[in-house]
Amino acid sequence: QVQLVESGGGSVQAGGSLRLSCAASGGGFRTYVVAWFRQAPGKERDFVAAISWSGLTYYQPSVKGRFTISRDNAKNAVDLQMNSLKPEDTAVYYCAASASSRSVTTTGTYDDWGQGTQVTVSS
């Protein structure tokens, strides 16, 4: 089990950029799949991006080309660089980790979650 803490959220105008960070503590992080999900008010928690222990990346189609997920195993950290932000990107963003690499886009795959960080994009 790992403990996850997100940071880097905030408010930005459409077209702007933010960088989210997920810091992990606890054993095994280097071998975990780590993902970002987001949840807008009244909506389900949706997959955004994921990265495997080896650096293989996965993206939701609506963010591909705008968002980049990366990891630094030496620092036990995963970042999400978000460019060309749109109002529809507004949500609470959550970092999640899993020892399993099955179904990386599914919330049920992930055992460990951070507390979330708010991202607000104004038009």
PDB file of N, CA and C in Angstrom:
ATOM      1  N   GLN A   1       0.846  -1.188   0.000  1.00  0.00           N
ATOM      2  CA  GLN A   1       0.000   0.000   0.000  1.00  0.00           C
ATOM      3  C   GLN A   1       0.890   1.249   0.000  1.00  0.00           C
ATOM      4  N   VAL A   2       0.436   2.249  -0.766  1.00  0.00           N
ATOM      5  CA  VAL A   2       1.167   3.506  -0.806  1.00  0.00           C
ATOM      6  C   VAL A   2       0.233   4.646  -0.422  1.00  0.00           C
ATOM      7  N   GLN A   3       0.816   5.697   0.093  1.00  0.00           N
ATOM      8  CA  GLN A   3       0.074   6.911   0.406  1.00  0.00           C
ATOM      9  C   GLN A   3       0.386   7.944  -0.678  1.00  0.00           C
ATOM     10  N   LEU A   4      -0.649   8.598  -1.159  1.00  0.00           N
ATOM     11  CA  LEU A   4      -0.510   9.524  -2.290  1.00  0.00           C
ATOM     12  C   LEU A   4      -0.990  10.915  -1.898  1.00  0.00           C
ATOM     13  N   VAL A   5      -0.233  11.922  -2.305  1.00  0.00           N
ATOM     14  CA  VAL A   5      -0.613  13.306  -2.040  1.00  0.00           C
ATOM     15  C   VAL A   5      -0.465  14.103  -3.330  1.00  0.00           C
ATOM     16  N   GLU A   6      -1.580  14.711  -3.769  1.00  0.00           N
ATOM     17  CA  GLU A   6      -1.551  15.530  -4.980  1.00  0.00           C
ATOM     18  C   GLU A   6      -1.278  16.990  -4.642  1.00  0.00           C
ATOM     19  N   SER A   7      -0.712  17.680  -5.609  1.00  0.00           N
ATOM     20  CA  SER A   7      -0.502  19.125  -5.475  1.00  0.00           C
ATOM     21  C   SER A   7      -0.480  19.737  -6.873  1.00  0.00           C
ATOM     22  N   GLY A   8      -0.598  21.051  -6.922  1.00  0.00           N
ATOM     23  CA  GLY A   8      -0.454  21.753  -8.190  1.00  0.00           C
ATOM     24  C   GLY A   8      -1.740  22.226  -8.822  1.00  0.00           C
ATOM     25  N   GLY A   9      -2.872  21.921  -8.204  1.00  0.00           N
ATOM     26  CA  GLY A   9      -4.127  22.401  -8.767  1.00  0.00           C
ATOM     27  C   GLY A   9      -4.267  23.902  -8.624  1.00  0.00           C
ATOM     28  N   GLY A  10      -5.297  24.452  -9.256  1.00  0.00           N
ATOM     29  CA  GLY A  10      -5.537  25.889  -9.162  1.00  0.00           C
ATOM     30  C   GLY A  10      -6.507  26.342 -10.218  1.00  0.00           C
ATOM     31  N   SER A  11      -6.562  27.648 -10.418  1.00  0.00           N
ATOM     32  CA  SER A  11      -7.455  28.251 -11.399  1.00  0.00           C
ATOM     33  C   SER A  11      -6.644  28.848 -12.531  1.00  0.00           C
ATOM     34  N   VAL A  12      -7.135  28.665 -13.754  1.00  0.00           N
ATOM     35  CA  VAL A  12      -6.431  29.152 -14.926  1.00  0.00           C
ATOM     36  C   VAL A  12      -7.454  29.477 -16.006  1.00  0.00           C
ATOM     37  N   GLN A  13      -7.097  30.360 -16.892  1.00  0.00           N
ATOM     38  CA  GLN A  13      -7.977  30.667 -18.013  1.00  0.00           C
ATOM     39  C   GLN A  13      -7.801  29.628 -19.117  1.00  0.00           C
ATOM     40  N   ALA A  14      -8.813  29.506 -19.930  1.00  0.00           N
ATOM     41  CA  ALA A  14      -8.763  28.581 -21.055  1.00  0.00           C
ATOM     42  C   ALA A  14      -7.535  28.868 -21.915  1.00  0.00           C
ATOM     43  N   GLY A  15      -6.877  27.788 -22.317  1.00  0.00           N
ATOM     44  CA  GLY A  15      -5.644  27.906 -23.085  1.00  0.00           C
ATOM     45  C   GLY A  15      -4.395  27.873 -22.231  1.00  0.00           C
ATOM     46  N   GLY A  16      -4.570  27.998 -20.925  1.00  0.00           N
ATOM     47  CA  GLY A  16      -3.445  28.001 -20.012  1.00  0.00           C
ATOM     48  C   GLY A  16      -2.955  26.608 -19.670  1.00  0.00           C
ATOM     49  N   SER A  17      -1.985  26.555 -18.754  1.00  0.00           N
ATOM     50  CA  SER A  17      -1.351  25.291 -18.368  1.00  0.00           C
ATOM     51  C   SER A  17      -1.279  25.158 -16.853  1.00  0.00           C
ATOM     52  N   LEU A  18      -1.305  23.932 -16.402  1.00  0.00           N
ATOM     53  CA  LEU A  18      -1.054  23.580 -15.002  1.00  0.00           C
ATOM     54  C   LEU A  18      -0.268  22.288 -14.977  1.00  0.00           C
ATOM     55  N   ARG A  19       0.493  22.106 -13.905  1.00  0.00           N
ATOM     56  CA  ARG A  19       1.226  20.861 -13.710  1.00  0.00           C
ATOM     57  C   ARG A  19       0.834  20.292 -12.355  1.00  0.00           C
ATOM     58  N   LEU A  20       0.259  19.107 -12.384  1.00  0.00           N
ATOM     59  CA  LEU A  20      -0.104  18.407 -11.162  1.00  0.00           C
ATOM     60  C   LEU A  20       1.000  17.430 -10.782  1.00  0.00           C
ATOM     61  N   SER A  21       1.204  17.283  -9.487  1.00  0.00           N
ATOM     62  CA  SER A  21       2.190  16.333  -8.990  1.00  0.00           C
ATOM     63  C   SER A  21       1.545  15.379  -7.999  1.00  0.00           C
ATOM     64  N   CYS A  22       2.008  14.153  -8.027  1.00  0.00           N
ATOM     65  CA  CYS A  22       1.549  13.125  -7.096  1.00  0.00           C
ATOM     66  C   CYS A  22       2.776  12.557  -6.408  1.00  0.00           C
ATOM     67  N   ALA A  23       2.868  12.781  -5.107  1.00  0.00           N
ATOM     68  CA  ALA A  23       3.991  12.277  -4.321  1.00  0.00           C
ATOM     69  C   ALA A  23       3.555  11.045  -3.564  1.00  0.00           C
ATOM     70  N   ALA A  24       4.382  10.011  -3.612  1.00  0.00           N
ATOM     71  CA  ALA A  24       4.024   8.739  -2.986  1.00  0.00           C
ATOM     72  C   ALA A  24       4.978   8.392  -1.861  1.00  0.00           C
ATOM     73  N   SER A  25       4.434   7.735  -0.870  1.00  0.00           N
ATOM     74  CA  SER A  25       5.254   7.161   0.198  1.00  0.00           C
ATOM     75  C   SER A  25       4.755   5.755   0.448  1.00  0.00           C
ATOM     76  N   GLY A  26       5.630   4.907   0.939  1.00  0.00           N
ATOM     77  CA  GLY A  26       5.263   3.522   1.127  1.00  0.00           C
ATOM     78  C   GLY A  26       5.970   2.645   0.117  1.00  0.00           C
ATOM     79  N   GLY A  27       5.934   1.345   0.340  1.00  0.00           N
ATOM     80  CA  GLY A  27       6.719   0.439  -0.484  1.00  0.00           C
ATOM     81  C   GLY A  27       6.096   0.121  -1.829  1.00  0.00           C
ATOM     82  N   GLY A  28       6.952  -0.232  -2.788  1.00  0.00           N
ATOM     83  CA  GLY A  28       6.485  -0.781  -4.043  1.00  0.00           C
ATOM     84  C   GLY A  28       6.097   0.200  -5.119  1.00  0.00           C
ATOM     85  N   PHE A  29       6.171   1.480  -4.848  1.00  0.00           N
ATOM     86  CA  PHE A  29       5.662   2.465  -5.805  1.00  0.00           C
ATOM     87  C   PHE A  29       6.318   2.318  -7.164  1.00  0.00           C
ATOM     88  N   ARG A  30       7.588   2.022  -7.176  1.00  0.00           N
ATOM     89  CA  ARG A  30       8.312   1.952  -8.445  1.00  0.00           C
ATOM     90  C   ARG A  30       7.731   0.901  -9.381  1.00  0.00           C
ATOM     91  N   THR A  31       7.046  -0.088  -8.855  1.00  0.00           N
ATOM     92  CA  THR A  31       6.496  -1.151  -9.695  1.00  0.00           C
ATOM     93  C   THR A  31       5.000  -0.957  -9.968  1.00  0.00           C
ATOM     94  N   TYR A  32       4.413   0.111  -9.448  1.00  0.00           N
ATOM     95  CA  TYR A  32       2.976   0.329  -9.566  1.00  0.00           C
ATOM     96  C   TYR A  32       2.617   1.037 -10.866  1.00  0.00           C
ATOM     97  N   VAL A  33       1.429   0.762 -11.356  1.00  0.00           N
ATOM     98  CA  VAL A  33       0.789   1.616 -12.345  1.00  0.00           C
ATOM     99  C   VAL A  33       0.226   2.816 -11.591  1.00  0.00           C
ATOM    100  N   VAL A  34       0.433   3.997 -12.123  1.00  0.00           N
ATOM    101  CA  VAL A  34      -0.089   5.218 -11.500  1.00  0.00           C
ATOM    102  C   VAL A  34      -0.943   5.951 -12.521  1.00  0.00           C
ATOM    103  N   ALA A  35      -2.085   6.411 -12.070  1.00  0.00           N
ATOM    104  CA  ALA A  35      -3.034   7.065 -12.971  1.00  0.00           C
ATOM    105  C   ALA A  35      -3.562   8.359 -12.377  1.00  0.00           C
ATOM    106  N   TRP A  36      -4.083   9.170 -13.256  1.00  0.00           N
ATOM    107  CA  TRP A  36      -4.852  10.355 -12.872  1.00  0.00           C
ATOM    108  C   TRP A  36      -6.294  10.150 -13.338  1.00  0.00           C
ATOM    109  N   PHE A  37      -7.205  10.414 -12.433  1.00  0.00           N
ATOM    110  CA  PHE A  37      -8.624  10.437 -12.733  1.00  0.00           C
ATOM    111  C   PHE A  37      -9.146  11.840 -12.394  1.00  0.00           C
ATOM    112  N   ARG A  38     -10.334  12.150 -12.880  1.00  0.00           N
ATOM    113  CA  ARG A  38     -10.942  13.427 -12.519  1.00  0.00           C
ATOM    114  C   ARG A  38     -12.440  13.257 -12.345  1.00  0.00           C
ATOM    115  N   GLN A  39     -12.991  14.119 -11.500  1.00  0.00           N
ATOM    116  CA  GLN A  39     -14.422  14.050 -11.220  1.00  0.00           C
ATOM    117  C   GLN A  39     -14.989  15.454 -11.160  1.00  0.00           C
ATOM    118  N   ALA A  40     -15.903  15.730 -12.072  1.00  0.00           N
ATOM    119  CA  ALA A  40     -16.609  17.005 -12.085  1.00  0.00           C
ATOM    120  C   ALA A  40     -17.871  16.879 -11.224  1.00  0.00           C
ATOM    121  N   PRO A  41     -18.404  17.993 -10.731  1.00  0.00           N
ATOM    122  CA  PRO A  41     -19.600  17.927  -9.884  1.00  0.00           C
ATOM    123  C   PRO A  41     -20.746  17.199 -10.569  1.00  0.00           C
ATOM    124  N   GLY A  42     -21.333  16.248  -9.858  1.00  0.00           N
ATOM    125  CA  GLY A  42     -22.467  15.509 -10.384  1.00  0.00           C
ATOM    126  C   GLY A  42     -22.126  14.456 -11.418  1.00  0.00           C
ATOM    127  N   LYS A  43     -20.846  14.225 -11.645  1.00  0.00           N
ATOM    128  CA  LYS A  43     -20.441  13.247 -12.661  1.00  0.00           C
ATOM    129  C   LYS A  43     -19.596  12.140 -12.037  1.00  0.00           C
ATOM    130  N   GLU A  44     -19.420  11.072 -12.800  1.00  0.00           N
ATOM    131  CA  GLU A  44     -18.594   9.968 -12.332  1.00  0.00           C
ATOM    132  C   GLU A  44     -17.110  10.326 -12.423  1.00  0.00           C
ATOM    133  N   ARG A  45     -16.312   9.566 -11.689  1.00  0.00           N
ATOM    134  CA  ARG A  45     -14.877   9.750 -11.747  1.00  0.00           C
ATOM    135  C   ARG A  45     -14.364   9.100 -13.039  1.00  0.00           C
ATOM    136  N   ASP A  46     -13.684   9.881 -13.870  1.00  0.00           N
ATOM    137  CA  ASP A  46     -13.252   9.425 -15.188  1.00  0.00           C
ATOM    138  C   ASP A  46     -11.735   9.321 -15.291  1.00  0.00           C
ATOM    139  N   PHE A  47     -11.313   8.372 -16.077  1.00  0.00           N
ATOM    140  CA  PHE A  47      -9.894   8.170 -16.350  1.00  0.00           C
ATOM    141  C   PHE A  47      -9.342   9.333 -17.175  1.00  0.00           C
ATOM    142  N   VAL A  48      -8.127   9.767 -16.846  1.00  0.00           N
ATOM    143  CA  VAL A  48      -7.452  10.820 -17.600  1.00  0.00           C
ATOM    144  C   VAL A  48      -6.193  10.272 -18.270  1.00  0.00           C
ATOM    145  N   ALA A  49      -5.301   9.702 -17.473  1.00  0.00           N
ATOM    146  CA  ALA A  49      -4.031   9.201 -18.006  1.00  0.00           C
ATOM    147  C   ALA A  49      -3.431   8.225 -17.009  1.00  0.00           C
ATOM    148  N   ALA A  50      -2.569   7.337 -17.509  1.00  0.00           N
ATOM    149  CA  ALA A  50      -1.884   6.378 -16.649  1.00  0.00           C
ATOM    150  C   ALA A  50      -0.494   6.116 -17.193  1.00  0.00           C
ATOM    151  N   ILE A  51       0.387   5.648 -16.299  1.00  0.00           N
ATOM    152  CA  ILE A  51       1.744   5.312 -16.699  1.00  0.00           C
ATOM    153  C   ILE A  51       2.170   4.053 -15.962  1.00  0.00           C
ATOM    154  N   SER A  52       2.749   3.114 -16.695  1.00  0.00           N
ATOM    155  CA  SER A  52       3.197   1.865 -16.089  1.00  0.00           C
ATOM    156  C   SER A  52       4.565   2.057 -15.438  1.00  0.00           C
ATOM    157  N   TRP A  53       5.019   1.008 -14.763  1.00  0.00           N
ATOM    158  CA  TRP A  53       6.325   1.094 -14.097  1.00  0.00           C
ATOM    159  C   TRP A  53       7.441   1.313 -15.104  1.00  0.00           C
ATOM    160  N   SER A  54       7.220   0.826 -16.346  1.00  0.00           N
ATOM    161  CA  SER A  54       8.260   0.932 -17.378  1.00  0.00           C
ATOM    162  C   SER A  54       8.137   2.210 -18.209  1.00  0.00           C
ATOM    163  N   GLY A  55       7.084   2.990 -17.947  1.00  0.00           N
ATOM    164  CA  GLY A  55       6.926   4.244 -18.679  1.00  0.00           C
ATOM    165  C   GLY A  55       5.924   4.200 -19.814  1.00  0.00           C
ATOM    166  N   LEU A  56       5.224   3.087 -19.985  1.00  0.00           N
ATOM    167  CA  LEU A  56       4.182   3.008 -21.005  1.00  0.00           C
ATOM    168  C   LEU A  56       3.019   3.894 -20.582  1.00  0.00           C
ATOM    169  N   THR A  57       2.524   4.711 -21.499  1.00  0.00           N
ATOM    170  CA  THR A  57       1.491   5.680 -21.143  1.00  0.00           C
ATOM    171  C   THR A  57       0.165   5.409 -21.842  1.00  0.00           C
ATOM    172  N   TYR A  58      -0.907   5.838 -21.193  1.00  0.00           N
ATOM    173  CA  TYR A  58      -2.262   5.688 -21.689  1.00  0.00           C
ATOM    174  C   TYR A  58      -2.976   7.020 -21.464  1.00  0.00           C
ATOM    175  N   TYR A  59      -3.824   7.422 -22.419  1.00  0.00           N
ATOM    176  CA  TYR A  59      -4.535   8.686 -22.286  1.00  0.00           C
ATOM    177  C   TYR A  59      -5.994   8.534 -22.695  1.00  0.00           C
ATOM    178  N   GLN A  60      -6.836   9.299 -22.035  1.00  0.00           N
ATOM    179  CA  GLN A  60      -8.204   9.460 -22.506  1.00  0.00           C
ATOM    180  C   GLN A  60      -8.127  10.252 -23.819  1.00  0.00           C
ATOM    181  N   PRO A  61      -8.916   9.895 -24.833  1.00  0.00           N
ATOM    182  CA  PRO A  61      -8.801  10.582 -26.130  1.00  0.00           C
ATOM    183  C   PRO A  61      -8.941  12.102 -26.051  1.00  0.00           C
ATOM    184  N   SER A  62      -9.783  12.598 -25.149  1.00  0.00           N
ATOM    185  CA  SER A  62     -10.020  14.043 -25.102  1.00  0.00           C
ATOM    186  C   SER A  62      -8.827  14.839 -24.576  1.00  0.00           C
ATOM    187  N   VAL A  63      -7.863  14.173 -23.956  1.00  0.00           N
ATOM    188  CA  VAL A  63      -6.698  14.891 -23.423  1.00  0.00           C
ATOM    189  C   VAL A  63      -5.419  14.567 -24.176  1.00  0.00           C
ATOM    190  N   LYS A  64      -5.465  13.559 -25.044  1.00  0.00           N
ATOM    191  CA  LYS A  64      -4.260  13.164 -25.775  1.00  0.00           C
ATOM    192  C   LYS A  64      -3.775  14.325 -26.635  1.00  0.00           C
ATOM    193  N   GLY A  65      -2.474  14.602 -26.546  1.00  0.00           N
ATOM    194  CA  GLY A  65      -1.907  15.732 -27.274  1.00  0.00           C
ATOM    195  C   GLY A  65      -1.872  17.012 -26.467  1.00  0.00           C
ATOM    196  N   ARG A  66      -2.656  17.057 -25.381  1.00  0.00           N
ATOM    197  CA  ARG A  66      -2.662  18.236 -24.512  1.00  0.00           C
ATOM    198  C   ARG A  66      -2.037  17.938 -23.149  1.00  0.00           C
ATOM    199  N   PHE A  67      -2.249  16.730 -22.648  1.00  0.00           N
ATOM    200  CA  PHE A  67      -1.735  16.323 -21.339  1.00  0.00           C
ATOM    201  C   PHE A  67      -0.579  15.350 -21.525  1.00  0.00           C
ATOM    202  N   THR A  68       0.378  15.405 -20.607  1.00  0.00           N
ATOM    203  CA  THR A  68       1.495  14.469 -20.609  1.00  0.00           C
ATOM    204  C   THR A  68       1.726  13.952 -19.201  1.00  0.00           C
ATOM    205  N   ILE A  69       1.713  12.630 -19.061  1.00  0.00           N
ATOM    206  CA  ILE A  69       1.989  12.011 -17.769  1.00  0.00           C
ATOM    207  C   ILE A  69       3.433  11.526 -17.765  1.00  0.00           C
ATOM    208  N   SER A  70       4.105  11.701 -16.634  1.00  0.00           N
ATOM    209  CA  SER A  70       5.494  11.264 -16.515  1.00  0.00           C
ATOM    210  C   SER A  70       5.743  10.820 -15.084  1.00  0.00           C
ATOM    211  N   ARG A  71       6.795  10.030 -14.905  1.00  0.00           N
ATOM    212  CA  ARG A  71       7.122   9.576 -13.549  1.00  0.00           C
ATOM    213  C   ARG A  71       8.618   9.658 -13.322  1.00  0.00           C
ATOM    214  N   ASP A  72       8.958   9.879 -12.058  1.00  0.00           N
ATOM    215  CA  ASP A  72      10.347   9.878 -11.607  1.00  0.00           C
ATOM    216  C   ASP A  72      10.407   8.897 -10.447  1.00  0.00           C
ATOM    217  N   ASN A  73      10.809   7.684 -10.740  1.00  0.00           N
ATOM    218  CA  ASN A  73      10.809   6.651  -9.708  1.00  0.00           C
ATOM    219  C   ASN A  73      11.804   6.946  -8.593  1.00  0.00           C
ATOM    220  N   ALA A  74      12.856   7.653  -8.909  1.00  0.00           N
ATOM    221  CA  ALA A  74      13.837   8.013  -7.875  1.00  0.00           C
ATOM    222  C   ALA A  74      13.218   8.934  -6.831  1.00  0.00           C
ATOM    223  N   LYS A  75      12.242   9.724  -7.262  1.00  0.00           N
ATOM    224  CA  LYS A  75      11.583  10.664  -6.355  1.00  0.00           C
ATOM    225  C   LYS A  75      10.209  10.174  -5.907  1.00  0.00           C
ATOM    226  N   ASN A  76       9.820   8.976  -6.359  1.00  0.00           N
ATOM    227  CA  ASN A  76       8.481   8.460  -6.034  1.00  0.00           C
ATOM    228  C   ASN A  76       7.403   9.471  -6.401  1.00  0.00           C
ATOM    229  N   ALA A  77       7.450   9.952  -7.620  1.00  0.00           N
ATOM    230  CA  ALA A  77       6.524  10.999  -8.038  1.00  0.00           C
ATOM    231  C   ALA A  77       6.041  10.766  -9.462  1.00  0.00           C
ATOM    232  N   VAL A  78       4.805  11.169  -9.682  1.00  0.00           N
ATOM    233  CA  VAL A  78       4.205  11.156 -11.017  1.00  0.00           C
ATOM    234  C   VAL A  78       3.588  12.528 -11.263  1.00  0.00           C
ATOM    235  N   ASP A  79       3.869  13.094 -12.411  1.00  0.00           N
ATOM    236  CA  ASP A  79       3.346  14.412 -12.761  1.00  0.00           C
ATOM    237  C   ASP A  79       2.372  14.321 -13.928  1.00  0.00           C
ATOM    238  N   LEU A  80       1.491  15.304 -13.996  1.00  0.00           N
ATOM    239  CA  LEU A  80       0.584  15.441 -15.131  1.00  0.00           C
ATOM    240  C   LEU A  80       0.700  16.885 -15.626  1.00  0.00           C
ATOM    241  N   GLN A  81       1.339  17.054 -16.768  1.00  0.00           N
ATOM    242  CA  GLN A  81       1.443  18.374 -17.384  1.00  0.00           C
ATOM    243  C   GLN A  81       0.214  18.584 -18.253  1.00  0.00           C
ATOM    244  N   MET A  82      -0.523  19.653 -17.983  1.00  0.00           N
ATOM    245  CA  MET A  82      -1.769  19.915 -18.696  1.00  0.00           C
ATOM    246  C   MET A  82      -1.645  21.228 -19.447  1.00  0.00           C
ATOM    247  N   ASN A  83      -1.696  21.153 -20.759  1.00  0.00           N
ATOM    248  CA  ASN A  83      -1.600  22.335 -21.621  1.00  0.00           C
ATOM    249  C   ASN A  83      -2.907  22.532 -22.372  1.00  0.00           C
ATOM    250  N   SER A  84      -3.072  23.723 -22.930  1.00  0.00           N
ATOM    251  CA  SER A  84      -4.267  24.040 -23.722  1.00  0.00           C
ATOM    252  C   SER A  84      -5.538  23.667 -22.977  1.00  0.00           C
ATOM    253  N   LEU A  85      -5.604  24.056 -21.733  1.00  0.00           N
ATOM    254  CA  LEU A  85      -6.736  23.669 -20.894  1.00  0.00           C
ATOM    255  C   LEU A  85      -8.036  24.280 -21.386  1.00  0.00           C
ATOM    256  N   LYS A  86      -9.110  23.516 -21.189  1.00  0.00           N
ATOM    257  CA  LYS A  86     -10.454  23.909 -21.607  1.00  0.00           C
ATOM    258  C   LYS A  86     -11.371  23.942 -20.389  1.00  0.00           C
ATOM    259  N   PRO A  87     -12.455  24.713 -20.448  1.00  0.00           N
ATOM    260  CA  PRO A  87     -13.387  24.721 -19.313  1.00  0.00           C
ATOM    261  C   PRO A  87     -13.890  23.326 -18.940  1.00  0.00           C
ATOM    262  N   GLU A  88     -14.027  22.459 -19.909  1.00  0.00           N
ATOM    263  CA  GLU A  88     -14.501  21.100 -19.619  1.00  0.00           C
ATOM    264  C   GLU A  88     -13.467  20.242 -18.893  1.00  0.00           C
ATOM    265  N   ASP A  89     -12.254  20.748 -18.734  1.00  0.00           N
ATOM    266  CA  ASP A  89     -11.250  20.054 -17.921  1.00  0.00           C
ATOM    267  C   ASP A  89     -11.428  20.346 -16.428  1.00  0.00           C
ATOM    268  N   THR A  90     -12.335  21.245 -16.089  1.00  0.00           N
ATOM    269  CA  THR A  90     -12.582  21.592 -14.693  1.00  0.00           C
ATOM    270  C   THR A  90     -13.086  20.382 -13.916  1.00  0.00           C
ATOM    271  N   ALA A  91     -12.402  20.052 -12.832  1.00  0.00           N
ATOM    272  CA  ALA A  91     -12.750  18.881 -12.022  1.00  0.00           C
ATOM    273  C   ALA A  91     -11.793  18.794 -10.838  1.00  0.00           C
ATOM    274  N   VAL A  92     -12.102  17.887  -9.934  1.00  0.00           N
ATOM    275  CA  VAL A  92     -11.130  17.475  -8.927  1.00  0.00           C
ATOM    276  C   VAL A  92     -10.317  16.335  -9.535  1.00  0.00           C
ATOM    277  N   TYR A  93      -9.005  16.475  -9.496  1.00  0.00           N
ATOM    278  CA  TYR A  93      -8.109  15.489 -10.083  1.00  0.00           C
ATOM    279  C   TYR A  93      -7.520  14.621  -8.977  1.00  0.00           C
ATOM    280  N   TYR A  94      -7.574  13.307  -9.181  1.00  0.00           N
ATOM    281  CA  TYR A  94      -7.099  12.340  -8.208  1.00  0.00           C
ATOM    282  C   TYR A  94      -5.966  11.507  -8.785  1.00  0.00           C
ATOM    283  N   CYS A  95      -4.978  11.256  -7.963  1.00  0.00           N
ATOM    284  CA  CYS A  95      -3.901  10.337  -8.283  1.00  0.00           C
ATOM    285  C   CYS A  95      -4.260   8.973  -7.686  1.00  0.00           C
ATOM    286  N   ALA A  96      -3.959   7.904  -8.417  1.00  0.00           N
ATOM    287  CA  ALA A  96      -4.264   6.562  -7.946  1.00  0.00           C
ATOM    288  C   ALA A  96      -3.132   5.626  -8.326  1.00  0.00           C
ATOM    289  N   ALA A  97      -2.938   4.588  -7.523  1.00  0.00           N
ATOM    290  CA  ALA A  97      -1.860   3.632  -7.775  1.00  0.00           C
ATOM    291  C   ALA A  97      -2.374   2.205  -7.619  1.00  0.00           C
ATOM    292  N   SER A  98      -1.788   1.318  -8.426  1.00  0.00           N
ATOM    293  CA  SER A  98      -2.186  -0.078  -8.383  1.00  0.00           C
ATOM    294  C   SER A  98      -1.004  -0.978  -8.666  1.00  0.00           C
ATOM    295  N   ALA A  99      -0.960  -2.100  -7.956  1.00  0.00           N
ATOM    296  CA  ALA A  99       0.075  -3.089  -8.227  1.00  0.00           C
ATOM    297  C   ALA A  99      -0.273  -3.918  -9.454  1.00  0.00           C
ATOM    298  N   SER A 100      -1.524  -3.824  -9.902  1.00  0.00           N
ATOM    299  CA  SER A 100      -1.985  -4.560 -11.071  1.00  0.00           C
ATOM    300  C   SER A 100      -1.985  -3.658 -12.290  1.00  0.00           C
ATOM    301  N   SER A 101      -1.670  -4.223 -13.446  1.00  0.00           N
ATOM    302  CA  SER A 101      -1.693  -3.449 -14.690  1.00  0.00           C
ATOM    303  C   SER A 101      -2.907  -3.798 -15.554  1.00  0.00           C
ATOM    304  N   ARG A 102      -3.878  -4.511 -14.966  1.00  0.00           N
ATOM    305  CA  ARG A 102      -5.090  -4.845 -15.702  1.00  0.00           C
ATOM    306  C   ARG A 102      -5.998  -3.631 -15.761  1.00  0.00           C
ATOM    307  N   SER A 103      -6.638  -3.395 -16.863  1.00  0.00           N
ATOM    308  CA  SER A 103      -7.688  -2.377 -16.985  1.00  0.00           C
ATOM    309  C   SER A 103      -7.291  -1.055 -16.348  1.00  0.00           C
ATOM    310  N   VAL A 104      -6.249  -0.442 -16.864  1.00  0.00           N
ATOM    311  CA  VAL A 104      -5.698   0.758 -16.229  1.00  0.00           C
ATOM    312  C   VAL A 104      -6.657   1.939 -16.270  1.00  0.00           C
ATOM    313  N   THR A 105      -7.696   1.876 -17.126  1.00  0.00           N
ATOM    314  CA  THR A 105      -8.637   2.991 -17.223  1.00  0.00           C
ATOM    315  C   THR A 105      -9.808   2.862 -16.255  1.00  0.00           C
ATOM    316  N   THR A 106      -9.838   1.806 -15.459  1.00  0.00           N
ATOM    317  CA  THR A 106     -10.985   1.514 -14.592  1.00  0.00           C
ATOM    318  C   THR A 106     -10.673   1.873 -13.146  1.00  0.00           C
ATOM    319  N   THR A 107     -11.579   2.588 -12.474  1.00  0.00           N
ATOM    320  CA  THR A 107     -11.337   2.986 -11.089  1.00  0.00           C
ATOM    321  C   THR A 107     -11.151   1.780 -10.178  1.00  0.00           C
ATOM    322  N   GLY A 108     -11.848   0.694 -10.454  1.00  0.00           N
ATOM    323  CA  GLY A 108     -11.783  -0.479  -9.595  1.00  0.00           C
ATOM    324  C   GLY A 108     -10.423  -1.153  -9.561  1.00  0.00           C
ATOM    325  N   THR A 109      -9.576  -0.839 -10.526  1.00  0.00           N
ATOM    326  CA  THR A 109      -8.228  -1.417 -10.557  1.00  0.00           C
ATOM    327  C   THR A 109      -7.343  -0.866  -9.443  1.00  0.00           C
ATOM    328  N   TYR A 110      -7.665   0.314  -8.967  1.00  0.00           N
ATOM    329  CA  TYR A 110      -6.768   1.062  -8.083  1.00  0.00           C
ATOM    330  C   TYR A 110      -7.186   0.941  -6.622  1.00  0.00           C
ATOM    331  N   ASP A 111      -6.207   0.597  -5.798  1.00  0.00           N
ATOM    332  CA  ASP A 111      -6.440   0.421  -4.368  1.00  0.00           C
ATOM    333  C   ASP A 111      -6.110   1.667  -3.566  1.00  0.00           C
ATOM    334  N   ASP A 112      -5.196   2.451  -4.065  1.00  0.00           N
ATOM    335  CA  ASP A 112      -4.696   3.595  -3.294  1.00  0.00           C
ATOM    336  C   ASP A 112      -5.011   4.891  -4.035  1.00  0.00           C
ATOM    337  N   TRP A 113      -5.562   5.857  -3.301  1.00  0.00           N
ATOM    338  CA  TRP A 113      -5.997   7.122  -3.888  1.00  0.00           C
ATOM    339  C   TRP A 113      -5.503   8.299  -3.045  1.00  0.00           C
ATOM    340  N   GLY A 114      -5.239   9.407  -3.729  1.00  0.00           N
ATOM    341  CA  GLY A 114      -4.961  10.640  -3.018  1.00  0.00           C
ATOM    342  C   GLY A 114      -6.255  11.354  -2.662  1.00  0.00           C
ATOM    343  N   GLN A 115      -6.106  12.523  -2.041  1.00  0.00           N
ATOM    344  CA  GLN A 115      -7.268  13.258  -1.566  1.00  0.00           C
ATOM    345  C   GLN A 115      -7.871  14.147  -2.648  1.00  0.00           C
ATOM    346  N   GLY A 116      -7.157  14.354  -3.728  1.00  0.00           N
ATOM    347  CA  GLY A 116      -7.647  15.150  -4.838  1.00  0.00           C
ATOM    348  C   GLY A 116      -7.171  16.593  -4.783  1.00  0.00           C
ATOM    349  N   THR A 117      -7.100  17.201  -5.969  1.00  0.00           N
ATOM    350  CA  THR A 117      -6.744  18.611  -6.074  1.00  0.00           C
ATOM    351  C   THR A 117      -7.642  19.258  -7.131  1.00  0.00           C
ATOM    352  N   GLN A 118      -8.152  20.447  -6.812  1.00  0.00           N
ATOM    353  CA  GLN A 118      -9.122  21.106  -7.685  1.00  0.00           C
ATOM    354  C   GLN A 118      -8.424  21.813  -8.842  1.00  0.00           C
ATOM    355  N   VAL A 119      -8.955  21.604 -10.041  1.00  0.00           N
ATOM    356  CA  VAL A 119      -8.522  22.334 -11.230  1.00  0.00           C
ATOM    357  C   VAL A 119      -9.739  23.059 -11.791  1.00  0.00           C
ATOM    358  N   THR A 120      -9.631  24.374 -11.944  1.00  0.00           N
ATOM    359  CA  THR A 120     -10.724  25.171 -12.475  1.00  0.00           C
ATOM    360  C   THR A 120     -10.231  25.955 -13.682  1.00  0.00           C
ATOM    361  N   VAL A 121     -10.916  25.771 -14.812  1.00  0.00           N
ATOM    362  CA  VAL A 121     -10.545  26.452 -16.049  1.00  0.00           C
ATOM    363  C   VAL A 121     -11.698  27.361 -16.446  1.00  0.00           C
ATOM    364  N   SER A 122     -11.432  28.636 -16.531  1.00  0.00           N
ATOM    365  CA  SER A 122     -12.473  29.601 -16.873  1.00  0.00           C
ATOM    366  C   SER A 122     -12.357  30.000 -18.344  1.00  0.00           C
ATOM    367  N   SER A 123     -13.519  30.317 -18.910  1.00  0.00           N
ATOM    368  CA  SER A 123     -13.541  30.664 -20.343  1.00  0.00           C
ATOM    369  C   SER A 123     -13.315  32.144 -20.562  1.00  0.00           C
TER     370      SER A 123
END
